[in-house]
């Protein structure tokens, strides 16, 4: 399953951007979506940087597997999620 978030409509409203990003990540986890496409648009690149800073926060970063920048369209990012069986690395106090 793939989810999509287009930030064009709220590009200049910081709090709404953070809320939308957190909402799409929570939705991906709830629905076990393996991919979220985020479209900050091309513009000046400031919104894309804001999205990357949001995704790089420690509490957010632990929720997803990796971020991929689209090589063909630099106004688009992909956030990949994994929902594997536990590997035994978490919760063992190591």
PDB file of N, CA and C in Angstrom:
ATOM      1  N   UNK A   1       0.847  -1.186   0.000  1.00  0.00           N
ATOM      2  CA  UNK A   1       0.000   0.000   0.000  1.00  0.00           C
ATOM      3  C   UNK A   1       0.884   1.239   0.000  1.00  0.00           C
ATOM      4  N   UNK A   2       0.473   2.224  -0.763  1.00  0.00           N
ATOM      5  CA  UNK A   2       1.197   3.487  -0.877  1.00  0.00           C
ATOM      6  C   UNK A   2       0.260   4.633  -0.492  1.00  0.00           C
ATOM      7  N   UNK A   3       0.763   5.559   0.302  1.00  0.00           N
ATOM      8  CA  UNK A   3       0.025   6.766   0.663  1.00  0.00           C
ATOM      9  C   UNK A   3       0.738   7.961   0.055  1.00  0.00           C
ATOM     10  N   UNK A   4      -0.003   9.044  -0.119  1.00  0.00           N
ATOM     11  CA  UNK A   4       0.562  10.227  -0.766  1.00  0.00           C
ATOM     12  C   UNK A   4       0.162  11.477   0.006  1.00  0.00           C
ATOM     13  N   UNK A   5       1.108  12.396   0.158  1.00  0.00           N
ATOM     14  CA  UNK A   5       0.858  13.682   0.816  1.00  0.00           C
ATOM     15  C   UNK A   5       1.422  14.782  -0.068  1.00  0.00           C
ATOM     16  N   UNK A   6       0.551  15.640  -0.567  1.00  0.00           N
ATOM     17  CA  UNK A   6       0.946  16.772  -1.395  1.00  0.00           C
ATOM     18  C   UNK A   6       0.890  18.032  -0.527  1.00  0.00           C
ATOM     19  N   UNK A   7       2.013  18.685  -0.357  1.00  0.00           N
ATOM     20  CA  UNK A   7       2.106  19.850   0.530  1.00  0.00           C
ATOM     21  C   UNK A   7       1.924  21.180  -0.189  1.00  0.00           C
ATOM     22  N   UNK A   8       1.586  21.164  -1.448  1.00  0.00           N
ATOM     23  CA  UNK A   8       1.441  22.411  -2.206  1.00  0.00           C
ATOM     24  C   UNK A   8       0.448  23.392  -1.562  1.00  0.00           C
ATOM     25  N   UNK A   9      -0.667  22.889  -1.056  1.00  0.00           N
ATOM     26  CA  UNK A   9      -1.715  23.769  -0.526  1.00  0.00           C
ATOM     27  C   UNK A   9      -1.358  24.416   0.801  1.00  0.00           C
ATOM     28  N   UNK A  10      -0.434  23.823   1.549  1.00  0.00           N
ATOM     29  CA  UNK A  10      -0.110  24.366   2.880  1.00  0.00           C
ATOM     30  C   UNK A  10       1.369  24.735   3.004  1.00  0.00           C
ATOM     31  N   UNK A  11       2.015  25.022   1.890  1.00  0.00           N
ATOM     32  CA  UNK A  11       3.460  25.244   1.856  1.00  0.00           C
ATOM     33  C   UNK A  11       3.942  26.343   2.786  1.00  0.00           C
ATOM     34  N   UNK A  12       3.099  27.297   3.117  1.00  0.00           N
ATOM     35  CA  UNK A  12       3.552  28.427   3.944  1.00  0.00           C
ATOM     36  C   UNK A  12       2.956  28.416   5.348  1.00  0.00           C
ATOM     37  N   UNK A  13       2.449  27.305   5.795  1.00  0.00           N
ATOM     38  CA  UNK A  13       1.849  27.189   7.137  1.00  0.00           C
ATOM     39  C   UNK A  13       2.585  26.101   7.921  1.00  0.00           C
ATOM     40  N   UNK A  14       3.656  26.489   8.598  1.00  0.00           N
ATOM     41  CA  UNK A  14       4.557  25.563   9.277  1.00  0.00           C
ATOM     42  C   UNK A  14       3.909  24.532  10.177  1.00  0.00           C
ATOM     43  N   UNK A  15       3.003  24.975  11.050  1.00  0.00           N
ATOM     44  CA  UNK A  15       2.380  24.039  11.992  1.00  0.00           C
ATOM     45  C   UNK A  15       1.500  23.028  11.266  1.00  0.00           C
ATOM     46  N   UNK A  16       0.823  23.465  10.229  1.00  0.00           N
ATOM     47  CA  UNK A  16      -0.011  22.543   9.460  1.00  0.00           C
ATOM     48  C   UNK A  16       0.843  21.520   8.712  1.00  0.00           C
ATOM     49  N   UNK A  17       2.014  21.947   8.262  1.00  0.00           N
ATOM     50  CA  UNK A  17       2.925  21.018   7.575  1.00  0.00           C
ATOM     51  C   UNK A  17       3.361  19.929   8.541  1.00  0.00           C
ATOM     52  N   UNK A  18       3.802  20.306   9.724  1.00  0.00           N
ATOM     53  CA  UNK A  18       4.213  19.313  10.719  1.00  0.00           C
ATOM     54  C   UNK A  18       3.070  18.370  11.067  1.00  0.00           C
ATOM     55  N   UNK A  19       1.875  18.924  11.227  1.00  0.00           N
ATOM     56  CA  UNK A  19       0.699  18.108  11.564  1.00  0.00           C
ATOM     57  C   UNK A  19       0.373  17.148  10.425  1.00  0.00           C
ATOM     58  N   UNK A  20       0.457  17.612   9.188  1.00  0.00           N
ATOM     59  CA  UNK A  20       0.181  16.762   8.030  1.00  0.00           C
ATOM     60  C   UNK A  20       1.220  15.648   7.906  1.00  0.00           C
ATOM     61  N   UNK A  21       2.488  15.985   8.131  1.00  0.00           N
ATOM     62  CA  UNK A  21       3.551  14.977   8.054  1.00  0.00           C
ATOM     63  C   UNK A  21       3.368  13.912   9.130  1.00  0.00           C
ATOM     64  N   UNK A  22       3.103  14.358  10.349  1.00  0.00           N
ATOM     65  CA  UNK A  22       2.901  13.391  11.438  1.00  0.00           C
ATOM     66  C   UNK A  22       1.666  12.532  11.159  1.00  0.00           C
ATOM     67  N   UNK A  23       0.624  13.154  10.628  1.00  0.00           N
ATOM     68  CA  UNK A  23      -0.600  12.417  10.316  1.00  0.00           C
ATOM     69  C   UNK A  23      -0.389  11.335   9.274  1.00  0.00           C
ATOM     70  N   UNK A  24       0.379  11.632   8.229  1.00  0.00           N
ATOM     71  CA  UNK A  24       0.598  10.638   7.167  1.00  0.00           C
ATOM     72  C   UNK A  24       1.493   9.511   7.669  1.00  0.00           C
ATOM     73  N   UNK A  25       2.440   9.823   8.548  1.00  0.00           N
ATOM     74  CA  UNK A  25       3.290   8.775   9.124  1.00  0.00           C
ATOM     75  C   UNK A  25       2.469   7.872  10.039  1.00  0.00           C
ATOM     76  N   UNK A  26       1.622   8.476  10.865  1.00  0.00           N
ATOM     77  CA  UNK A  26       0.749   7.684  11.743  1.00  0.00           C
ATOM     78  C   UNK A  26      -0.201   6.811  10.920  1.00  0.00           C
ATOM     79  N   UNK A  27      -0.735   7.362   9.849  1.00  0.00           N
ATOM     80  CA  UNK A  27      -1.635   6.601   8.978  1.00  0.00           C
ATOM     81  C   UNK A  27      -0.897   5.433   8.322  1.00  0.00           C
ATOM     82  N   UNK A  28       0.327   5.671   7.883  1.00  0.00           N
ATOM     83  CA  UNK A  28       1.123   4.602   7.263  1.00  0.00           C
ATOM     84  C   UNK A  28       1.348   3.459   8.249  1.00  0.00           C
ATOM     85  N   UNK A  29       1.648   3.806   9.485  1.00  0.00           N
ATOM     86  CA  UNK A  29       1.873   2.782  10.511  1.00  0.00           C
ATOM     87  C   UNK A  29       0.579   2.027  10.790  1.00  0.00           C
ATOM     88  N   UNK A  30      -0.510   2.760  10.947  1.00  0.00           N
ATOM     89  CA  UNK A  30      -1.806   2.137  11.235  1.00  0.00           C
ATOM     90  C   UNK A  30      -2.231   1.191  10.118  1.00  0.00           C
ATOM     91  N   UNK A  31      -2.052   1.614   8.870  1.00  0.00           N
ATOM     92  CA  UNK A  31      -2.494   0.809   7.723  1.00  0.00           C
ATOM     93  C   UNK A  31      -1.408  -0.129   7.202  1.00  0.00           C
ATOM     94  N   UNK A  32      -0.230  -0.092   7.846  1.00  0.00           N
ATOM     95  CA  UNK A  32       0.926  -0.891   7.421  1.00  0.00           C
ATOM     96  C   UNK A  32       1.296  -0.633   5.963  1.00  0.00           C
ATOM     97  N   UNK A  33       1.254   0.634   5.587  1.00  0.00           N
ATOM     98  CA  UNK A  33       1.666   1.042   4.239  1.00  0.00           C
ATOM     99  C   UNK A  33       3.186   0.939   4.158  1.00  0.00           C
ATOM    100  N   UNK A  34       3.696   0.454   3.077  1.00  0.00           N
ATOM    101  CA  UNK A  34       5.135   0.304   2.928  1.00  0.00           C
ATOM    102  C   UNK A  34       5.800   1.543   2.334  1.00  0.00           C
ATOM    103  N   UNK A  35       4.994   2.453   1.774  1.00  0.00           N
ATOM    104  CA  UNK A  35       5.557   3.623   1.108  1.00  0.00           C
ATOM    105  C   UNK A  35       4.657   4.840   1.276  1.00  0.00           C
ATOM    106  N   UNK A  36       5.276   5.965   1.599  1.00  0.00           N
ATOM    107  CA  UNK A  36       4.582   7.251   1.618  1.00  0.00           C
ATOM    108  C   UNK A  36       5.321   8.162   0.651  1.00  0.00           C
ATOM    109  N   UNK A  37       4.577   8.713  -0.301  1.00  0.00           N
ATOM    110  CA  UNK A  37       5.127   9.681  -1.239  1.00  0.00           C
ATOM    111  C   UNK A  37       4.779  11.075  -0.709  1.00  0.00           C
ATOM    112  N   UNK A  38       5.799  11.891  -0.509  1.00  0.00           N
ATOM    113  CA  UNK A  38       5.595  13.259  -0.025  1.00  0.00           C
ATOM    114  C   UNK A  38       6.027  14.198  -1.134  1.00  0.00           C
ATOM    115  N   UNK A  39       5.135  15.129  -1.484  1.00  0.00           N
ATOM    116  CA  UNK A  39       5.410  16.074  -2.559  1.00  0.00           C
ATOM    117  C   UNK A  39       5.511  17.484  -1.976  1.00  0.00           C
ATOM    118  N   UNK A  40       6.747  17.927  -1.695  1.00  0.00           N
ATOM    119  CA  UNK A  40       6.909  19.299  -1.239  1.00  0.00           C
ATOM    120  C   UNK A  40       6.950  20.274  -2.419  1.00  0.00           C
ATOM    121  N   UNK A  41       7.115  19.761  -3.604  1.00  0.00           N
ATOM    122  CA  UNK A  41       7.212  20.610  -4.791  1.00  0.00           C
ATOM    123  C   UNK A  41       8.638  21.066  -5.022  1.00  0.00           C
ATOM    124  N   UNK A  42       8.874  21.643  -6.173  1.00  0.00           N
ATOM    125  CA  UNK A  42      10.232  22.036  -6.537  1.00  0.00           C
ATOM    126  C   UNK A  42      10.595  23.386  -5.946  1.00  0.00           C
ATOM    127  N   UNK A  43       9.887  24.418  -6.232  1.00  0.00           N
ATOM    128  CA  UNK A  43      10.101  25.745  -5.650  1.00  0.00           C
ATOM    129  C   UNK A  43      11.550  26.065  -5.336  1.00  0.00           C
ATOM    130  N   UNK A  44      11.767  26.699  -4.186  1.00  0.00           N
ATOM    131  CA  UNK A  44      13.112  27.104  -3.776  1.00  0.00           C
ATOM    132  C   UNK A  44      13.869  25.980  -3.076  1.00  0.00           C
ATOM    133  N   UNK A  45      13.168  24.940  -2.691  1.00  0.00           N
ATOM    134  CA  UNK A  45      13.785  23.840  -1.957  1.00  0.00           C
ATOM    135  C   UNK A  45      13.626  23.960  -0.460  1.00  0.00           C
ATOM    136  N   UNK A  46      13.111  25.084   0.029  1.00  0.00           N
ATOM    137  CA  UNK A  46      12.968  25.309   1.466  1.00  0.00           C
ATOM    138  C   UNK A  46      11.980  24.326   2.096  1.00  0.00           C
ATOM    139  N   UNK A  47      10.876  24.054   1.417  1.00  0.00           N
ATOM    140  CA  UNK A  47       9.886  23.137   1.970  1.00  0.00           C
ATOM    141  C   UNK A  47      10.439  21.713   2.023  1.00  0.00           C
ATOM    142  N   UNK A  48      11.174  21.321   1.007  1.00  0.00           N
ATOM    143  CA  UNK A  48      11.782  19.987   1.001  1.00  0.00           C
ATOM    144  C   UNK A  48      12.756  19.865   2.177  1.00  0.00           C
ATOM    145  N   UNK A  49      13.533  20.910   2.436  1.00  0.00           N
ATOM    146  CA  UNK A  49      14.461  20.894   3.560  1.00  0.00           C
ATOM    147  C   UNK A  49      13.707  20.785   4.879  1.00  0.00           C
ATOM    148  N   UNK A  50      12.591  21.492   4.982  1.00  0.00           N
ATOM    149  CA  UNK A  50      11.769  21.419   6.197  1.00  0.00           C
ATOM    150  C   UNK A  50      11.259  19.997   6.406  1.00  0.00           C
ATOM    151  N   UNK A  51      10.798  19.358   5.328  1.00  0.00           N
ATOM    152  CA  UNK A  51      10.304  17.983   5.414  1.00  0.00           C
ATOM    153  C   UNK A  51      11.435  17.051   5.855  1.00  0.00           C
ATOM    154  N   UNK A  52      12.607  17.206   5.269  1.00  0.00           N
ATOM    155  CA  UNK A  52      13.741  16.353   5.639  1.00  0.00           C
ATOM    156  C   UNK A  52      14.152  16.570   7.095  1.00  0.00           C
ATOM    157  N   UNK A  53      14.108  17.827   7.573  1.00  0.00           N
ATOM    158  CA  UNK A  53      14.405  18.090   8.991  1.00  0.00           C
ATOM    159  C   UNK A  53      13.376  17.424   9.890  1.00  0.00           C
ATOM    160  N   UNK A  54      12.102  17.485   9.499  1.00  0.00           N
ATOM    161  CA  UNK A  54      11.042  16.829  10.269  1.00  0.00           C
ATOM    162  C   UNK A  54      11.312  15.329  10.347  1.00  0.00           C
ATOM    163  N   UNK A  55      11.609  14.723   9.202  1.00  0.00           N
ATOM    164  CA  UNK A  55      11.834  13.278   9.148  1.00  0.00           C
ATOM    165  C   UNK A  55      13.090  12.861   9.896  1.00  0.00           C
ATOM    166  N   UNK A  56      14.022  13.786  10.086  1.00  0.00           N
ATOM    167  CA  UNK A  56      15.286  13.466  10.747  1.00  0.00           C
ATOM    168  C   UNK A  56      15.215  13.572  12.273  1.00  0.00           C
ATOM    169  N   UNK A  57      14.077  14.011  12.810  1.00  0.00           N
ATOM    170  CA  UNK A  57      13.921  14.079  14.259  1.00  0.00           C
ATOM    171  C   UNK A  57      13.980  12.667  14.837  1.00  0.00           C
ATOM    172  N   UNK A  58      14.649  12.514  15.950  1.00  0.00           N
ATOM    173  CA  UNK A  58      14.873  11.192  16.544  1.00  0.00           C
ATOM    174  C   UNK A  58      13.579  10.400  16.718  1.00  0.00           C
ATOM    175  N   UNK A  59      12.547  11.033  17.270  1.00  0.00           N
ATOM    176  CA  UNK A  59      11.296  10.307  17.543  1.00  0.00           C
ATOM    177  C   UNK A  59      10.539   9.947  16.264  1.00  0.00           C
ATOM    178  N   UNK A  60      10.787  10.670  15.183  1.00  0.00           N
ATOM    179  CA  UNK A  60      10.150  10.364  13.899  1.00  0.00           C
ATOM    180  C   UNK A  60      10.981   9.336  13.141  1.00  0.00           C
ATOM    181  N   UNK A  61      12.281   9.516  13.165  1.00  0.00           N
ATOM    182  CA  UNK A  61      13.194   8.659  12.402  1.00  0.00           C
ATOM    183  C   UNK A  61      13.060   7.185  12.774  1.00  0.00           C
ATOM    184  N   UNK A  62      12.750   6.921  14.027  1.00  0.00           N
ATOM    185  CA  UNK A  62      12.628   5.532  14.469  1.00  0.00           C
ATOM    186  C   UNK A  62      11.354   4.861  13.967  1.00  0.00           C
ATOM    187  N   UNK A  63      10.447   5.623  13.363  1.00  0.00           N
ATOM    188  CA  UNK A  63       9.173   5.071  12.904  1.00  0.00           C
ATOM    189  C   UNK A  63       9.221   4.518  11.487  1.00  0.00           C
ATOM    190  N   UNK A  64      10.218   4.922  10.701  1.00  0.00           N
ATOM    191  CA  UNK A  64      10.285   4.482   9.310  1.00  0.00           C
ATOM    192  C   UNK A  64      11.628   3.818   9.030  1.00  0.00           C
ATOM    193  N   UNK A  65      11.725   3.188   7.865  1.00  0.00           N
ATOM    194  CA  UNK A  65      12.934   2.453   7.501  1.00  0.00           C
ATOM    195  C   UNK A  65      13.969   3.361   6.820  1.00  0.00           C
ATOM    196  N   UNK A  66      13.550   4.078   5.764  1.00  0.00           N
ATOM    197  CA  UNK A  66      14.495   4.954   5.061  1.00  0.00           C
ATOM    198  C   UNK A  66      13.747   5.989   4.230  1.00  0.00           C
ATOM    199  N   UNK A  67      14.471   7.052   3.857  1.00  0.00           N
ATOM    200  CA  UNK A  67      13.941   8.107   2.988  1.00  0.00           C
ATOM    201  C   UNK A  67      14.705   8.041   1.676  1.00  0.00           C
ATOM    202  N   UNK A  68      13.967   8.154   0.586  1.00  0.00           N
ATOM    203  CA  UNK A  68      14.571   8.137  -0.744  1.00  0.00           C
ATOM    204  C   UNK A  68      14.189   9.418  -1.473  1.00  0.00           C
ATOM    205  N   UNK A  69      15.177  10.084  -2.022  1.00  0.00           N
ATOM    206  CA  UNK A  69      14.923  11.268  -2.849  1.00  0.00           C
ATOM    207  C   UNK A  69      14.725  10.774  -4.273  1.00  0.00           C
ATOM    208  N   UNK A  70      13.678  11.225  -4.919  1.00  0.00           N
ATOM    209  CA  UNK A  70      13.381  10.806  -6.289  1.00  0.00           C
ATOM    210  C   UNK A  70      14.436  11.375  -7.228  1.00  0.00           C
ATOM    211  N   UNK A  71      15.143  10.505  -7.919  1.00  0.00           N
ATOM    212  CA  UNK A  71      16.190  10.937  -8.834  1.00  0.00           C
ATOM    213  C   UNK A  71      15.655  11.607 -10.087  1.00  0.00           C
ATOM    214  N   UNK A  72      14.416  11.340 -10.448  1.00  0.00           N
ATOM    215  CA  UNK A  72      13.815  11.908 -11.645  1.00  0.00           C
ATOM    216  C   UNK A  72      13.045  13.197 -11.369  1.00  0.00           C
ATOM    217  N   UNK A  73      12.581  13.363 -10.120  1.00  0.00           N
ATOM    218  CA  UNK A  73      11.755  14.515  -9.763  1.00  0.00           C
ATOM    219  C   UNK A  73      12.191  14.987  -8.380  1.00  0.00           C
ATOM    220  N   UNK A  74      13.040  16.017  -8.322  1.00  0.00           N
ATOM    221  CA  UNK A  74      13.567  16.428  -7.028  1.00  0.00           C
ATOM    222  C   UNK A  74      12.545  17.118  -6.135  1.00  0.00           C
ATOM    223  N   UNK A  75      11.314  17.266  -6.597  1.00  0.00           N
ATOM    224  CA  UNK A  75      10.237  17.822  -5.786  1.00  0.00           C
ATOM    225  C   UNK A  75       9.412  16.743  -5.114  1.00  0.00           C
ATOM    226  N   UNK A  76      10.004  15.541  -4.975  1.00  0.00           N
ATOM    227  CA  UNK A  76       9.260  14.409  -4.413  1.00  0.00           C
ATOM    228  C   UNK A  76      10.198  13.548  -3.567  1.00  0.00           C
ATOM    229  N   UNK A  77       9.672  13.065  -2.441  1.00  0.00           N
ATOM    230  CA  UNK A  77      10.404  12.185  -1.536  1.00  0.00           C
ATOM    231  C   UNK A  77       9.582  10.926  -1.290  1.00  0.00           C
ATOM    232  N   UNK A  78      10.270   9.838  -1.010  1.00  0.00           N
ATOM    233  CA  UNK A  78       9.590   8.599  -0.649  1.00  0.00           C
ATOM    234  C   UNK A  78      10.074   8.176   0.731  1.00  0.00           C
ATOM    235  N   UNK A  79       9.131   7.856   1.610  1.00  0.00           N
ATOM    236  CA  UNK A  79       9.457   7.351   2.938  1.00  0.00           C
ATOM    237  C   UNK A  79       9.050   5.888   2.948  1.00  0.00           C
ATOM    238  N   UNK A  80      10.016   5.016   3.195  1.00  0.00           N
ATOM    239  CA  UNK A  80       9.780   3.579   3.174  1.00  0.00           C
ATOM    240  C   UNK A  80       9.600   3.065   4.602  1.00  0.00           C
ATOM    241  N   UNK A  81       8.642   2.162   4.767  1.00  0.00           N
ATOM    242  CA  UNK A  81       8.361   1.543   6.055  1.00  0.00           C
ATOM    243  C   UNK A  81       8.554   0.043   5.942  1.00  0.00           C
ATOM    244  N   UNK A  82       8.931  -0.567   7.043  1.00  0.00           N
ATOM    245  CA  UNK A  82       9.047  -2.025   7.120  1.00  0.00           C
ATOM    246  C   UNK A  82       8.159  -2.519   8.238  1.00  0.00           C
ATOM    247  N   UNK A  83       7.472  -3.575   7.972  1.00  0.00           N
ATOM    248  CA  UNK A  83       6.625  -4.194   8.998  1.00  0.00           C
ATOM    249  C   UNK A  83       6.970  -5.674   9.063  1.00  0.00           C
ATOM    250  N   UNK A  84       8.247  -5.958   9.310  1.00  0.00           N
ATOM    251  CA  UNK A  84       8.745  -7.331   9.382  1.00  0.00           C
ATOM    252  C   UNK A  84       8.370  -7.952  10.726  1.00  0.00           C
ATOM    253  N   UNK A  85       8.640  -9.244  10.796  1.00  0.00           N
ATOM    254  CA  UNK A  85       8.571  -9.915  12.089  1.00  0.00           C
ATOM    255  C   UNK A  85       9.703  -9.354  12.949  1.00  0.00           C
ATOM    256  N   UNK A  86       9.519  -9.297  14.248  1.00  0.00           N
ATOM    257  CA  UNK A  86      10.576  -8.756  15.114  1.00  0.00           C
ATOM    258  C   UNK A  86      11.888  -9.498  14.927  1.00  0.00           C
ATOM    259  N   UNK A  87      12.980  -8.755  14.960  1.00  0.00           N
ATOM    260  CA  UNK A  87      14.299  -9.351  14.769  1.00  0.00           C
ATOM    261  C   UNK A  87      14.971  -9.697  16.079  1.00  0.00           C
ATOM    262  N   UNK A  88      14.342  -9.327  17.183  1.00  0.00           N
ATOM    263  CA  UNK A  88      14.934  -9.618  18.481  1.00  0.00           C
ATOM    264  C   UNK A  88      15.846  -8.514  18.978  1.00  0.00           C
ATOM    265  N   UNK A  89      16.048  -7.474  18.202  1.00  0.00           N
ATOM    266  CA  UNK A  89      16.942  -6.395  18.604  1.00  0.00           C
ATOM    267  C   UNK A  89      16.252  -5.391  19.503  1.00  0.00           C
ATOM    268  N   UNK A  90      14.958  -5.280  19.429  1.00  0.00           N
ATOM    269  CA  UNK A  90      14.239  -4.286  20.221  1.00  0.00           C
ATOM    270  C   UNK A  90      13.739  -4.899  21.523  1.00  0.00           C
ATOM    271  N   UNK A  91      13.726  -4.090  22.556  1.00  0.00           N
ATOM    272  CA  UNK A  91      13.086  -4.474  23.799  1.00  0.00           C
ATOM    273  C   UNK A  91      13.878  -5.477  24.628  1.00  0.00           C
ATOM    274  N   UNK A  92      15.128  -5.723  24.318  1.00  0.00           N
ATOM    275  CA  UNK A  92      15.896  -6.683  25.095  1.00  0.00           C
ATOM    276  C   UNK A  92      16.904  -6.003  26.023  1.00  0.00           C
ATOM    277  N   UNK A  93      16.842  -4.695  26.082  1.00  0.00           N
ATOM    278  CA  UNK A  93      17.703  -3.953  26.999  1.00  0.00           C
ATOM    279  C   UNK A  93      19.170  -3.923  26.594  1.00  0.00           C
ATOM    280  N   UNK A  94      19.451  -4.120  25.344  1.00  0.00           N
ATOM    281  CA  UNK A  94      20.849  -4.094  24.897  1.00  0.00           C
ATOM    282  C   UNK A  94      21.314  -2.699  24.642  1.00  0.00           C
TER     283      UNK A  94
END
